[in-house]
Amino acid sequence: MPFAGNFDRDSQYDDVGVYRASNKTKYVDLEHNGSTDGTGPGGTAGENCYPVVISTPWGDTIDIFCEGTWWAKDPDSQY
């Protein structure tokens, strides 16, 4: 499932990513070149997981919602 936001904290909402529930991993492209610049775990392997972008004054975060449970990112990481 694709998502977009301001994950590198440069005030531009131009970063993209993909969440793959099959391996419970988020992939983020911050350089806009089609290559993965970072990955992160989240959620449980299953069909009912969705990435949710949360906007904050310090940049956006990607949380994963799986079957009634939120999997929040590490607040000290960029994505």
N, C-alpha and C. Protein backbone atom coordinates (compact mmCIF):
# COMPACT_ATOMS: atom_id res chain seq x y z
N MET A 1 0.83 -1.17 0.00
CA MET A 1 0.00 0.00 0.00
C MET A 1 0.88 1.24 0.00
N PRO A 2 0.67 2.16 -0.92
CA PRO A 2 1.50 3.37 -0.99
C PRO A 2 1.09 4.42 0.03
N PHE A 3 2.03 5.31 0.36
CA PHE A 3 1.75 6.46 1.21
C PHE A 3 2.73 7.57 0.85
N ALA A 4 2.41 8.80 1.24
CA ALA A 4 3.27 9.96 0.96
C ALA A 4 3.21 10.92 2.13
N GLY A 5 4.27 11.73 2.28
CA GLY A 5 4.31 12.72 3.36
C GLY A 5 5.62 13.45 3.38
N ASN A 6 5.90 14.11 4.50
CA ASN A 6 7.13 14.86 4.73
C ASN A 6 7.95 14.10 5.76
N PHE A 7 8.61 13.03 5.36
CA PHE A 7 9.31 12.18 6.30
C PHE A 7 10.75 12.62 6.56
N ASP A 8 11.33 13.43 5.67
CA ASP A 8 12.70 13.90 5.90
C ASP A 8 12.73 15.28 6.54
N ARG A 9 11.58 15.79 6.92
CA ARG A 9 11.45 17.04 7.69
C ARG A 9 12.00 18.25 6.95
N ASP A 10 11.81 18.32 5.62
CA ASP A 10 12.27 19.47 4.85
C ASP A 10 11.14 20.42 4.49
N SER A 11 9.97 20.25 5.10
CA SER A 11 8.78 21.08 4.90
C SER A 11 8.13 20.88 3.54
N GLN A 12 8.53 19.85 2.80
CA GLN A 12 7.91 19.56 1.51
C GLN A 12 7.29 18.16 1.56
N TYR A 13 6.05 18.08 1.17
CA TYR A 13 5.32 16.82 1.21
C TYR A 13 5.55 16.06 -0.09
N ASP A 14 6.79 15.57 -0.26
CA ASP A 14 7.17 14.95 -1.52
C ASP A 14 7.85 13.59 -1.35
N ASP A 15 7.80 13.03 -0.17
CA ASP A 15 8.42 11.73 0.09
C ASP A 15 7.38 10.63 -0.07
N VAL A 16 7.78 9.52 -0.63
CA VAL A 16 6.85 8.43 -0.89
C VAL A 16 7.35 7.13 -0.26
N GLY A 17 6.42 6.23 -0.07
CA GLY A 17 6.78 4.93 0.47
C GLY A 17 5.73 3.89 0.17
N VAL A 18 6.06 2.67 0.55
CA VAL A 18 5.17 1.53 0.36
C VAL A 18 5.22 0.70 1.64
N TYR A 19 4.05 0.22 2.07
CA TYR A 19 3.99 -0.73 3.18
C TYR A 19 3.59 -2.08 2.61
N ARG A 20 4.40 -3.10 2.94
CA ARG A 20 4.09 -4.47 2.50
C ARG A 20 3.74 -5.31 3.73
N ALA A 21 2.46 -5.64 3.85
CA ALA A 21 2.01 -6.43 5.00
C ALA A 21 2.59 -7.84 4.98
N SER A 22 2.91 -8.35 3.79
CA SER A 22 3.42 -9.73 3.68
C SER A 22 4.71 -9.93 4.46
N ASN A 23 5.54 -8.88 4.55
CA ASN A 23 6.77 -9.02 5.34
C ASN A 23 6.86 -7.97 6.45
N LYS A 24 5.75 -7.27 6.73
CA LYS A 24 5.65 -6.31 7.82
C LYS A 24 6.69 -5.20 7.72
N THR A 25 6.91 -4.66 6.53
CA THR A 25 7.98 -3.68 6.34
C THR A 25 7.50 -2.46 5.59
N LYS A 26 7.97 -1.27 6.04
CA LYS A 26 7.75 -0.01 5.34
C LYS A 26 9.01 0.31 4.54
N TYR A 27 8.85 0.75 3.30
CA TYR A 27 9.96 1.17 2.45
C TYR A 27 9.74 2.64 2.11
N VAL A 28 10.76 3.48 2.31
CA VAL A 28 10.62 4.92 2.09
C VAL A 28 11.70 5.41 1.12
N ASP A 29 11.30 6.25 0.16
CA ASP A 29 12.22 6.88 -0.79
C ASP A 29 12.24 8.38 -0.50
N LEU A 30 13.30 8.84 0.17
CA LEU A 30 13.44 10.25 0.52
C LEU A 30 14.16 11.06 -0.54
N GLU A 31 14.91 10.41 -1.40
CA GLU A 31 15.72 11.09 -2.42
C GLU A 31 14.99 11.24 -3.75
N HIS A 32 13.81 10.65 -3.87
CA HIS A 32 12.98 10.75 -5.08
C HIS A 32 13.66 10.16 -6.30
N ASN A 33 14.40 9.07 -6.10
CA ASN A 33 15.14 8.46 -7.20
C ASN A 33 14.73 7.02 -7.47
N GLY A 34 13.68 6.56 -6.83
CA GLY A 34 13.21 5.19 -7.05
C GLY A 34 13.92 4.15 -6.23
N SER A 35 14.87 4.55 -5.38
CA SER A 35 15.59 3.61 -4.52
C SER A 35 15.13 3.78 -3.08
N THR A 36 15.15 2.69 -2.33
CA THR A 36 14.76 2.74 -0.93
C THR A 36 15.86 3.39 -0.10
N ASP A 37 15.49 4.44 0.63
CA ASP A 37 16.44 5.11 1.52
C ASP A 37 16.33 4.63 2.95
N GLY A 38 15.25 3.95 3.26
CA GLY A 38 15.09 3.42 4.60
C GLY A 38 13.94 2.45 4.66
N THR A 39 14.03 1.56 5.62
CA THR A 39 12.96 0.60 5.86
C THR A 39 12.65 0.62 7.34
N GLY A 40 11.51 0.11 7.69
CA GLY A 40 11.16 0.03 9.10
C GLY A 40 10.10 -1.03 9.31
N PRO A 41 10.14 -1.70 10.46
CA PRO A 41 9.14 -2.71 10.75
C PRO A 41 7.83 -2.07 11.17
N GLY A 42 6.77 -2.83 11.11
CA GLY A 42 5.50 -2.34 11.61
C GLY A 42 4.37 -3.29 11.30
N GLY A 43 3.53 -3.52 12.27
CA GLY A 43 2.34 -4.31 12.05
C GLY A 43 2.58 -5.80 12.16
N THR A 44 1.56 -6.52 11.76
CA THR A 44 1.61 -7.97 11.74
C THR A 44 1.35 -8.41 10.31
N ALA A 45 1.93 -9.51 9.92
CA ALA A 45 1.69 -10.00 8.57
C ALA A 45 0.22 -10.37 8.44
N GLY A 46 -0.44 -9.74 7.54
CA GLY A 46 -1.85 -10.00 7.36
C GLY A 46 -2.44 -9.08 6.31
N GLU A 47 -3.65 -9.35 5.93
CA GLU A 47 -4.29 -8.59 4.88
C GLU A 47 -4.94 -7.32 5.39
N ASN A 48 -5.17 -7.18 6.68
CA ASN A 48 -5.90 -6.05 7.22
C ASN A 48 -4.99 -5.02 7.87
N CYS A 49 -3.88 -4.67 7.22
CA CYS A 49 -2.96 -3.67 7.72
C CYS A 49 -2.92 -2.49 6.75
N TYR A 50 -2.90 -1.28 7.31
CA TYR A 50 -2.92 -0.09 6.47
C TYR A 50 -1.95 0.95 7.02
N PRO A 51 -1.15 1.58 6.16
CA PRO A 51 -0.29 2.67 6.61
C PRO A 51 -1.13 3.93 6.81
N VAL A 52 -0.85 4.65 7.89
CA VAL A 52 -1.54 5.91 8.18
C VAL A 52 -0.47 6.97 8.43
N VAL A 53 -0.49 8.04 7.64
CA VAL A 53 0.48 9.13 7.80
C VAL A 53 -0.09 10.11 8.82
N ILE A 54 0.68 10.38 9.87
CA ILE A 54 0.30 11.32 10.92
C ILE A 54 1.19 12.56 10.79
N SER A 55 0.58 13.72 10.57
CA SER A 55 1.34 14.97 10.44
C SER A 55 1.55 15.61 11.81
N THR A 56 2.80 16.02 12.06
CA THR A 56 3.14 16.74 13.29
C THR A 56 3.98 17.96 12.91
N PRO A 57 4.15 18.91 13.82
CA PRO A 57 5.00 20.07 13.51
C PRO A 57 6.46 19.69 13.26
N TRP A 58 6.87 18.50 13.66
CA TRP A 58 8.26 18.07 13.53
C TRP A 58 8.48 17.17 12.34
N GLY A 59 7.48 16.97 11.52
CA GLY A 59 7.56 16.07 10.38
C GLY A 59 6.50 14.99 10.51
N ASP A 60 6.30 14.26 9.45
CA ASP A 60 5.28 13.23 9.43
C ASP A 60 5.82 11.91 9.95
N THR A 61 4.91 11.10 10.47
CA THR A 61 5.24 9.75 10.89
C THR A 61 4.35 8.77 10.14
N ILE A 62 4.77 7.54 10.07
CA ILE A 62 3.99 6.48 9.44
C ILE A 62 3.66 5.47 10.52
N ASP A 63 2.40 5.36 10.85
CA ASP A 63 1.94 4.34 11.78
C ASP A 63 1.19 3.29 10.97
N ILE A 64 1.12 2.10 11.48
CA ILE A 64 0.44 1.01 10.80
C ILE A 64 -0.74 0.58 11.66
N PHE A 65 -1.91 0.46 11.05
CA PHE A 65 -3.11 0.00 11.73
C PHE A 65 -3.43 -1.41 11.24
N CYS A 66 -3.38 -2.38 12.16
CA CYS A 66 -3.61 -3.79 11.81
C CYS A 66 -4.68 -4.39 12.71
N GLU A 67 -5.80 -4.72 12.12
CA GLU A 67 -6.85 -5.46 12.81
C GLU A 67 -7.12 -4.93 14.21
N GLY A 68 -7.33 -3.60 14.31
CA GLY A 68 -7.69 -2.98 15.58
C GLY A 68 -6.53 -2.57 16.45
N THR A 69 -5.29 -2.74 15.99
CA THR A 69 -4.12 -2.40 16.80
C THR A 69 -3.24 -1.41 16.04
N TRP A 70 -2.78 -0.36 16.73
CA TRP A 70 -1.85 0.61 16.15
C TRP A 70 -0.42 0.17 16.40
N TRP A 71 0.41 0.25 15.37
CA TRP A 71 1.84 -0.01 15.49
C TRP A 71 2.52 1.32 15.19
N ALA A 72 2.92 2.04 16.24
CA ALA A 72 3.51 3.37 16.07
C ALA A 72 4.99 3.25 15.79
N LYS A 73 5.50 4.22 15.08
CA LYS A 73 6.93 4.25 14.78
C LYS A 73 7.70 4.73 15.99
N ASP A 74 8.98 4.52 15.99
CA ASP A 74 9.87 5.04 17.01
C ASP A 74 9.91 6.56 16.87
N PRO A 75 9.53 7.34 17.90
CA PRO A 75 9.49 8.80 17.74
C PRO A 75 10.86 9.42 17.47
N ASP A 76 11.95 8.72 17.72
CA ASP A 76 13.28 9.27 17.47
C ASP A 76 13.78 8.98 16.06
N SER A 77 13.08 8.17 15.28
CA SER A 77 13.51 7.89 13.92
C SER A 77 12.81 8.83 12.96
N GLN A 78 13.32 8.94 11.72
CA GLN A 78 12.73 9.86 10.77
C GLN A 78 11.45 9.33 10.15
N TYR A 79 11.27 8.04 10.07
CA TYR A 79 10.07 7.50 9.42
C TYR A 79 9.68 6.19 10.07
